[in-house]
């Protein structure tokens, strides 16, 4: 969705508030495809920040369906996005290439800005609950629902040499 910023970029002291619906139905990244289950419109405030510059402030709330990183159960993740950026008109040369990524002429690409904010705010680890036990590495049972009873002891590989020495010198 493109939002026209020509009035804000050219008029000193101009402030415009607007609400833009989110057209995003899923978020795709190298981690996978995450469908959007709930979303609020993006509320923007555009303020003139000098000659051919505008300050973009916004907020939105988006909920995605994801999987727990340990047990792979479905988990909703809600991101409360709050952002602030300075964008410039195409006539101005700037060292900040980030502001150019969102502009197409005098129009702000709201979807590109929103995609970037989702990437920046995406959680590092997604868990269904803080003490998630995950899945058994032997049988694949979800250990949150039932204990499988598998032996999950993993010996320290640094001690394997000592184990070999003891096994070689074991008397029968």
Protein backbone atom coordinates (compact mmCIF):
# COMPACT_ATOMS: atom_id res chain seq x y z
CA UNK A 1 0.00 0.00 0.00
CA UNK A 2 1.42 3.37 -1.01
CA UNK A 3 0.77 6.50 1.07
CA UNK A 4 1.26 9.89 -0.59
CA UNK A 5 3.65 12.10 1.42
CA UNK A 6 4.09 14.99 -1.03
CA UNK A 7 2.13 17.43 1.21
CA UNK A 8 4.17 16.54 4.30
CA UNK A 9 7.52 16.66 2.49
CA UNK A 10 6.88 20.07 0.95
CA UNK A 11 4.94 21.96 3.66
CA UNK A 12 6.79 23.27 6.72
CA UNK A 13 5.12 22.16 9.99
CA UNK A 14 2.59 19.91 8.25
CA UNK A 15 1.26 16.96 10.30
CA UNK A 16 -1.01 14.27 8.90
CA UNK A 17 -2.53 11.38 10.83
CA UNK A 18 -3.97 8.43 8.92
CA UNK A 19 -4.90 4.80 9.32
CA UNK A 20 -3.89 2.26 6.69
CA UNK A 21 -5.30 -1.29 6.54
CA UNK A 22 -2.74 -4.11 6.57
CA UNK A 23 -2.96 -6.18 3.39
CA UNK A 24 -0.46 -8.74 4.69
CA UNK A 25 -1.96 -12.26 4.91
CA UNK A 26 1.26 -14.08 5.83
CA UNK A 27 4.83 -13.28 6.72
CA UNK A 28 7.48 -15.10 4.72
CA UNK A 29 11.09 -15.31 5.77
CA UNK A 30 13.89 -17.82 5.62
CA UNK A 31 12.42 -19.32 8.81
CA UNK A 32 9.19 -20.23 7.01
CA UNK A 33 5.74 -18.97 6.14
CA UNK A 34 3.67 -17.65 9.05
CA UNK A 35 -0.03 -16.91 8.44
CA UNK A 36 -1.54 -13.76 9.94
CA UNK A 37 -4.48 -14.64 12.20
CA UNK A 38 -5.31 -11.19 13.56
CA UNK A 39 -4.26 -7.65 12.69
CA UNK A 40 -5.11 -4.05 13.43
CA UNK A 41 -4.72 -1.25 10.90
CA UNK A 42 -1.46 0.70 10.98
CA UNK A 43 -1.86 4.12 12.56
CA UNK A 44 0.55 6.61 11.00
CA UNK A 45 1.56 10.13 11.98
CA UNK A 46 3.55 11.98 9.33
CA UNK A 47 5.35 15.16 10.43
CA UNK A 48 7.45 17.52 8.33
CA UNK A 49 11.02 17.32 9.66
CA UNK A 50 12.64 19.95 7.50
CA UNK A 51 13.09 20.51 3.79
CA UNK A 52 12.10 17.35 1.89
CA UNK A 53 12.17 15.25 5.09
CA UNK A 54 9.33 13.62 6.99
CA UNK A 55 9.18 11.84 10.31
CA UNK A 56 7.06 8.68 10.11
CA UNK A 57 5.65 7.32 13.37
CA UNK A 58 3.36 4.33 13.49
CA UNK A 59 1.90 1.47 15.44
CA UNK A 60 0.17 -1.82 14.66
CA UNK A 61 -0.60 -5.14 16.27
CA UNK A 62 -0.26 -8.40 14.30
CA UNK A 63 -0.75 -12.01 15.44
CA UNK A 64 0.89 -14.91 13.60
CA UNK A 65 0.54 -18.70 13.84
CA UNK A 66 3.95 -20.24 14.52
CA UNK A 67 5.38 -23.41 16.02
CA UNK A 68 7.12 -23.84 19.36
CA UNK A 69 10.87 -24.18 18.84
CA UNK A 70 11.09 -27.13 21.24
CA UNK A 71 7.91 -29.22 20.92
CA UNK A 72 6.49 -28.03 17.56
CA UNK A 73 2.99 -27.28 18.86
CA UNK A 74 1.06 -24.38 17.33
CA UNK A 75 1.66 -21.09 19.15
CA UNK A 76 0.16 -17.65 18.42
CA UNK A 77 2.75 -14.85 18.49
CA UNK A 78 1.55 -11.26 18.81
CA UNK A 79 3.84 -8.41 17.80
CA UNK A 80 3.09 -4.90 19.04
CA UNK A 81 4.91 -2.78 16.50
CA UNK A 82 5.93 0.78 17.36
CA UNK A 83 8.25 2.50 14.93
CA UNK A 84 9.72 5.85 14.02
CA UNK A 85 11.65 6.63 10.83
CA UNK A 86 12.85 9.65 8.88
CA UNK A 87 12.18 9.48 5.14
CA UNK A 88 13.28 11.89 2.43
CA UNK A 89 11.96 12.92 -0.95
CA UNK A 90 13.68 11.53 -4.05
CA UNK A 91 15.24 14.95 -4.75
CA UNK A 92 17.45 14.84 -1.63
CA UNK A 93 20.75 12.99 -1.52
CA UNK A 94 21.20 11.18 1.76
CA UNK A 95 23.65 8.71 3.23
CA UNK A 96 20.80 6.82 4.91
CA UNK A 97 19.82 4.26 2.29
CA UNK A 98 17.33 2.72 4.75
CA UNK A 99 14.91 5.62 4.25
CA UNK A 100 15.05 5.15 0.47
CA UNK A 101 13.93 1.52 0.77
CA UNK A 102 10.45 2.63 1.82
CA UNK A 103 9.94 5.44 -0.66
CA UNK A 104 8.72 5.23 -4.25
CA UNK A 105 8.95 8.80 -5.45
CA UNK A 106 6.88 10.86 -3.01
CA UNK A 107 4.97 7.83 -1.73
CA UNK A 108 5.73 5.66 1.29
CA UNK A 109 5.53 1.89 0.74
CA UNK A 110 3.74 0.96 3.98
CA UNK A 111 4.00 -2.81 3.35
CA UNK A 112 7.80 -2.67 2.96
CA UNK A 113 8.09 -0.64 6.15
CA UNK A 114 5.84 -3.10 7.98
CA UNK A 115 7.81 -6.12 6.68
CA UNK A 116 11.03 -4.59 8.01
CA UNK A 117 9.47 -3.89 11.41
CA UNK A 118 8.24 -7.49 11.66
CA UNK A 119 11.76 -8.79 10.91
CA UNK A 120 13.31 -6.49 13.51
CA UNK A 121 10.74 -7.40 16.20
CA UNK A 122 10.53 -11.16 15.49
CA UNK A 123 11.32 -13.13 18.68
CA UNK A 124 14.60 -15.05 18.79
CA UNK A 125 13.02 -18.08 20.47
CA UNK A 126 9.33 -18.98 20.38
CA UNK A 127 8.13 -21.29 23.16
CA UNK A 128 4.63 -22.57 23.98
CA UNK A 129 5.46 -22.10 27.67
CA UNK A 130 8.57 -21.05 29.57
CA UNK A 131 9.32 -24.56 30.86
CA UNK A 132 8.61 -26.45 27.61
CA UNK A 133 10.29 -29.88 27.73
CA UNK A 134 10.38 -30.36 23.95
CA UNK A 135 10.33 -33.69 22.13
CA UNK A 136 12.25 -36.86 22.99
CA UNK A 137 15.31 -37.17 20.74
CA UNK A 138 14.89 -40.97 20.62
CA UNK A 139 11.17 -41.58 19.97
CA UNK A 140 9.81 -38.09 19.14
CA UNK A 141 7.18 -38.04 21.91
CA UNK A 142 6.10 -34.59 23.11
CA UNK A 143 7.42 -34.62 26.69
CA UNK A 144 4.95 -31.91 27.75
CA UNK A 145 2.02 -34.30 27.31
CA UNK A 146 3.54 -37.65 28.33
CA UNK A 147 6.88 -38.95 29.59
CA UNK A 148 8.11 -41.63 27.18
CA UNK A 149 10.63 -43.28 29.52
CA UNK A 150 13.46 -43.34 26.96
CA UNK A 151 17.07 -43.22 28.21
CA UNK A 152 18.20 -39.74 27.20
CA UNK A 153 21.61 -39.83 28.91
CA UNK A 154 24.26 -38.47 26.56
CA UNK A 155 27.82 -39.09 27.74
CA UNK A 156 30.36 -36.30 27.52
CA UNK A 157 32.33 -36.96 24.28
CA UNK A 158 35.48 -35.54 25.88
CA UNK A 159 35.49 -38.50 28.27
CA UNK A 160 35.19 -41.12 25.51
CA UNK A 161 38.96 -41.74 25.56
CA UNK A 162 38.88 -42.58 29.27
CA UNK A 163 35.94 -44.92 28.73
CA UNK A 164 37.88 -46.72 25.98
CA UNK A 165 40.91 -47.13 28.30
CA UNK A 166 38.77 -48.60 31.07
CA UNK A 167 36.97 -50.94 28.67
CA UNK A 168 40.28 -52.16 27.15
CA UNK A 169 41.81 -52.91 30.55
CA UNK A 170 38.72 -54.49 32.05
CA UNK A 171 39.36 -57.89 33.55
CA UNK A 172 36.97 -60.61 32.60
